[in-house]
C-alpha cells in the first residue's frame, strides 16, 4: 500500500468510529427526549384533571348565581303584579 491509500483508509476508519459514536449519542438523546415527552404528557394530563376539578365548583357557583338572579327577577315581577292589582281595587 502506498501512502495515499493508508491515509484514505485511516481517515475512513476514524470517520466510521466518529459516526458510530455520534449514532449512539443521537440514540440516547432521542430516548431521553421520548422520556421527557412522556413525563410532559403526564404532567399536562394531571393539570387538565386539576383544572376540571377546579372548574366544577366555579360552574356550580355561576349556576347558583344565575338562578338567584332569575329568582329575584321573578319575585320583583310578582311584586309589581301584586302592587298593580291592589291599585286596581
N, C-alpha and C. Protein backbone atom coordinates (compact mmCIF):
# COMPACT_ATOMS: atom_id res chain seq x y z
N UNK A 1 0.84 -1.18 0.00
CA UNK A 1 0.00 0.00 0.00
C UNK A 1 0.89 1.25 0.00
N UNK A 2 0.47 2.18 -0.77
CA UNK A 2 1.22 3.42 -0.76
C UNK A 2 0.64 4.38 0.27
N UNK A 3 1.22 5.53 0.40
CA UNK A 3 0.88 6.50 1.44
C UNK A 3 -0.56 7.02 1.28
N UNK A 4 -1.02 7.25 0.07
CA UNK A 4 -2.36 7.77 -0.17
C UNK A 4 -3.42 6.78 0.29
N UNK A 5 -3.24 5.52 -0.03
CA UNK A 5 -4.20 4.50 0.40
C UNK A 5 -4.23 4.37 1.92
N UNK A 6 -3.09 4.46 2.55
CA UNK A 6 -3.01 4.35 4.01
C UNK A 6 -3.73 5.52 4.67
N UNK A 7 -3.49 6.70 4.16
CA UNK A 7 -4.16 7.89 4.72
C UNK A 7 -5.67 7.79 4.49
N UNK A 8 -6.09 7.40 3.30
CA UNK A 8 -7.51 7.26 2.99
C UNK A 8 -8.15 6.21 3.89
N UNK A 9 -7.50 5.09 4.08
CA UNK A 9 -8.03 4.04 4.94
C UNK A 9 -8.12 4.50 6.39
N UNK A 10 -7.11 5.19 6.86
CA UNK A 10 -7.15 5.67 8.26
C UNK A 10 -8.23 6.73 8.44
N UNK A 11 -8.44 7.60 7.46
CA UNK A 11 -9.50 8.61 7.53
C UNK A 11 -10.86 7.93 7.54
N UNK A 12 -11.03 6.93 6.70
CA UNK A 12 -12.30 6.19 6.66
C UNK A 12 -12.56 5.50 8.00
N UNK A 13 -11.57 4.91 8.60
CA UNK A 13 -11.72 4.24 9.89
C UNK A 13 -12.07 5.25 10.98
N UNK A 14 -11.38 6.39 11.00
CA UNK A 14 -11.66 7.42 12.02
C UNK A 14 -13.06 7.98 11.84
N UNK A 15 -13.46 8.28 10.61
CA UNK A 15 -14.81 8.80 10.35
C UNK A 15 -15.88 7.77 10.72
N UNK A 16 -15.62 6.50 10.44
CA UNK A 16 -16.57 5.45 10.81
C UNK A 16 -16.73 5.38 12.32
N UNK A 17 -15.65 5.47 13.05
CA UNK A 17 -15.73 5.45 14.52
C UNK A 17 -16.51 6.66 15.03
N UNK A 18 -16.23 7.84 14.46
CA UNK A 18 -16.96 9.04 14.86
C UNK A 18 -18.45 8.92 14.56
N UNK A 19 -18.79 8.39 13.39
CA UNK A 19 -20.21 8.24 13.04
C UNK A 19 -20.91 7.25 13.95
N UNK A 20 -20.23 6.17 14.33
CA UNK A 20 -20.82 5.20 15.26
C UNK A 20 -21.06 5.86 16.62
N UNK A 21 -20.07 6.62 17.10
CA UNK A 21 -20.21 7.31 18.39
C UNK A 21 -21.35 8.33 18.32
N UNK A 22 -21.40 9.10 17.25
CA UNK A 22 -22.47 10.09 17.08
C UNK A 22 -23.83 9.40 16.98
N UNK A 23 -23.88 8.26 16.31
CA UNK A 23 -25.13 7.49 16.23
C UNK A 23 -25.62 7.06 17.60
N UNK A 24 -24.71 6.57 18.45
CA UNK A 24 -25.09 6.20 19.81
C UNK A 24 -25.58 7.42 20.59
N UNK A 25 -24.88 8.53 20.44
CA UNK A 25 -25.29 9.75 21.16
C UNK A 25 -26.68 10.21 20.71
N UNK A 26 -26.95 10.16 19.40
CA UNK A 26 -28.27 10.54 18.89
C UNK A 26 -29.33 9.59 19.45
N UNK A 27 -29.02 8.30 19.52
CA UNK A 27 -29.96 7.34 20.08
C UNK A 27 -30.30 7.68 21.53
N UNK A 28 -29.28 7.99 22.34
CA UNK A 28 -29.53 8.31 23.75
C UNK A 28 -30.27 9.63 23.90
N UNK A 29 -29.96 10.60 23.06
CA UNK A 29 -30.67 11.88 23.12
C UNK A 29 -32.13 11.69 22.77
N UNK A 30 -32.41 10.93 21.72
CA UNK A 30 -33.80 10.68 21.33
C UNK A 30 -34.55 9.88 22.39
N UNK A 31 -33.87 8.94 23.04
CA UNK A 31 -34.50 8.17 24.11
C UNK A 31 -34.84 9.08 25.29
N UNK A 32 -33.91 9.97 25.66
CA UNK A 32 -34.19 10.92 26.74
C UNK A 32 -35.31 11.89 26.36
N UNK A 33 -35.32 12.29 25.10
CA UNK A 33 -36.38 13.18 24.62
C UNK A 33 -37.74 12.49 24.69
N UNK A 34 -37.79 11.21 24.36
CA UNK A 34 -39.03 10.45 24.45
C UNK A 34 -39.51 10.37 25.90
N UNK A 35 -38.59 10.13 26.84
CA UNK A 35 -38.95 10.09 28.25
C UNK A 35 -39.47 11.45 28.72
N UNK A 36 -38.82 12.50 28.26
CA UNK A 36 -39.24 13.85 28.64
C UNK A 36 -40.64 14.15 28.10
N UNK A 37 -40.89 13.77 26.85
CA UNK A 37 -42.23 13.98 26.29
C UNK A 37 -43.28 13.17 27.04
N UNK A 38 -42.95 11.96 27.46
CA UNK A 38 -43.88 11.14 28.21
C UNK A 38 -44.21 11.80 29.55
N UNK A 39 -43.17 12.31 30.23
CA UNK A 39 -43.39 12.99 31.51
C UNK A 39 -44.20 14.27 31.32
N UNK A 40 -43.93 15.01 30.26
CA UNK A 40 -44.67 16.24 29.97
C UNK A 40 -46.13 15.93 29.69
N UNK A 41 -46.38 14.86 28.97
CA UNK A 41 -47.76 14.45 28.68
C UNK A 41 -48.48 14.09 29.97
N UNK A 42 -47.81 13.36 30.86
CA UNK A 42 -48.41 13.01 32.14
C UNK A 42 -48.68 14.25 32.99
N UNK A 43 -47.77 15.21 32.96
CA UNK A 43 -47.93 16.45 33.70
C UNK A 43 -49.13 17.24 33.16
N UNK A 44 -49.26 17.30 31.85
CA UNK A 44 -50.38 18.02 31.25
C UNK A 44 -51.71 17.32 31.55
N UNK A 45 -51.71 15.99 31.59
CA UNK A 45 -52.93 15.27 31.96
C UNK A 45 -53.32 15.57 33.40
N UNK A 46 -52.33 15.61 34.30
CA UNK A 46 -52.62 15.95 35.70
C UNK A 46 -53.14 17.38 35.82
N UNK A 47 -52.57 18.30 35.05
CA UNK A 47 -53.03 19.69 35.08
C UNK A 47 -54.45 19.78 34.55
N UNK A 48 -54.76 19.00 33.52
CA UNK A 48 -56.12 19.00 32.97
C UNK A 48 -57.12 18.48 34.01
N UNK A 49 -56.75 17.42 34.73
CA UNK A 49 -57.62 16.90 35.78
C UNK A 49 -57.83 17.93 36.89
N UNK A 50 -56.77 18.61 37.26
CA UNK A 50 -56.86 19.63 38.30
C UNK A 50 -57.75 20.78 37.86
N UNK A 51 -57.60 21.22 36.64
CA UNK A 51 -58.43 22.31 36.13
C UNK A 51 -59.89 21.88 36.07
N UNK A 52 -60.14 20.64 35.70
CA UNK A 52 -61.52 20.14 35.67
C UNK A 52 -62.11 20.14 37.06
N UNK A 53 -61.33 19.73 38.06
CA UNK A 53 -61.83 19.72 39.44
C UNK A 53 -62.08 21.13 39.96
N UNK A 54 -61.28 22.08 39.55
CA UNK A 54 -61.47 23.46 39.97
C UNK A 54 -62.65 24.09 39.24
N UNK A 55 -62.84 23.70 37.99
CA UNK A 55 -63.89 24.29 37.16
C UNK A 55 -65.29 23.91 37.63
N UNK A 56 -65.46 22.71 38.14
CA UNK A 56 -66.79 22.25 38.55
C UNK A 56 -67.41 23.14 39.62
N UNK A 57 -66.72 23.45 40.76
CA UNK A 57 -67.35 24.32 41.75
C UNK A 57 -67.60 25.74 41.24
N UNK A 58 -66.73 26.22 40.37
CA UNK A 58 -66.93 27.56 39.82
C UNK A 58 -68.17 27.58 38.94
N UNK A 59 -68.37 26.55 38.13
CA UNK A 59 -69.58 26.47 37.30
C UNK A 59 -70.81 26.35 38.18
N UNK A 60 -70.71 25.57 39.25
CA UNK A 60 -71.85 25.41 40.15
C UNK A 60 -72.20 26.75 40.80
N UNK A 61 -71.20 27.51 41.20
CA UNK A 61 -71.44 28.83 41.79
C UNK A 61 -72.07 29.76 40.77
N UNK A 62 -71.59 29.71 39.54
CA UNK A 62 -72.19 30.53 38.47
C UNK A 62 -73.64 30.16 38.23
N UNK A 63 -73.93 28.87 38.23
CA UNK A 63 -75.32 28.43 38.05
C UNK A 63 -76.18 28.89 39.21
N UNK A 64 -75.64 28.82 40.44
CA UNK A 64 -76.38 29.27 41.61
C UNK A 64 -76.68 30.77 41.52
N UNK A 65 -75.70 31.55 41.11
CA UNK A 65 -75.91 32.99 40.97
C UNK A 65 -76.92 33.30 39.87
N UNK A 66 -76.85 32.57 38.78
CA UNK A 66 -77.81 32.76 37.70
C UNK A 66 -79.22 32.45 38.18
N UNK A 67 -79.36 31.37 38.94
CA UNK A 67 -80.67 31.01 39.49
C UNK A 67 -81.16 32.06 40.47
N UNK A 68 -80.25 32.59 41.29
CA UNK A 68 -80.64 33.61 42.26
C UNK A 68 -81.10 34.87 41.54
N UNK A 69 -80.40 35.28 40.49
CA UNK A 69 -80.79 36.47 39.73
C UNK A 69 -82.15 36.24 39.08
N UNK A 70 -82.37 35.05 38.54
CA UNK A 70 -83.66 34.74 37.93
C UNK A 70 -84.76 34.75 38.98
N UNK A 71 -84.48 34.21 40.14
CA UNK A 71 -85.46 34.21 41.23
C UNK A 71 -85.79 35.62 41.69
N UNK A 72 -84.79 36.46 41.81
CA UNK A 72 -85.02 37.85 42.20
C UNK A 72 -85.85 38.57 41.14
N UNK A 73 -85.57 38.30 39.89
CA UNK A 73 -86.34 38.90 38.80
C UNK A 73 -87.80 38.46 38.85
N UNK A 74 -88.03 37.19 39.11
CA UNK A 74 -89.41 36.68 39.20
C UNK A 74 -90.11 37.29 40.41
N UNK A 75 -89.40 37.37 41.55
CA UNK A 75 -90.00 37.97 42.76
C UNK A 75 -90.34 39.43 42.51
N UNK A 76 -89.48 40.16 41.85
CA UNK A 76 -89.74 41.56 41.54
C UNK A 76 -90.95 41.68 40.61
N UNK A 77 -91.02 40.80 39.61
CA UNK A 77 -92.15 40.80 38.69
C UNK A 77 -93.46 40.51 39.42
N UNK A 78 -93.45 39.49 40.31
CA UNK A 78 -94.66 39.16 41.08
C UNK A 78 -95.05 40.30 42.01
N UNK A 79 -94.06 40.98 42.56
CA UNK A 79 -94.33 42.11 43.44
C UNK A 79 -95.00 43.24 42.66
N UNK A 80 -94.54 43.48 41.45
CA UNK A 80 -95.15 44.53 40.62
C UNK A 80 -96.57 44.16 40.22
N UNK A 81 -96.78 42.87 39.91
CA UNK A 81 -98.13 42.43 39.55
C UNK A 81 -99.07 42.60 40.75
N UNK A 82 -98.60 42.18 41.94
CA UNK A 82 -99.43 42.32 43.15
C UNK A 82 -99.72 43.78 43.44
N UNK A 83 -98.78 44.64 43.28
CA UNK A 83 -98.96 46.07 43.53
C UNK A 83 -99.94 46.65 42.52
N UNK A 84 -99.83 46.22 41.28
CA UNK A 84 -100.72 46.71 40.21
C UNK A 84 -102.16 46.25 40.49
N UNK A 85 -102.34 45.01 40.97
CA UNK A 85 -103.69 44.50 41.26
C UNK A 85 -104.30 45.24 42.44
N UNK A 86 -103.49 45.57 43.45
CA UNK A 86 -104.00 46.31 44.61
C UNK A 86 -104.42 47.72 44.22
N UNK A 87 -103.72 48.32 43.28
CA UNK A 87 -104.08 49.67 42.83
C UNK A 87 -105.38 49.65 42.06
N UNK A 88 -105.70 48.58 41.35
CA UNK A 88 -106.92 48.50 40.56
C UNK A 88 -108.14 48.30 41.45
N UNK A 89 -107.96 47.76 42.66
CA UNK A 89 -109.12 47.51 43.54
C UNK A 89 -109.54 48.71 44.25
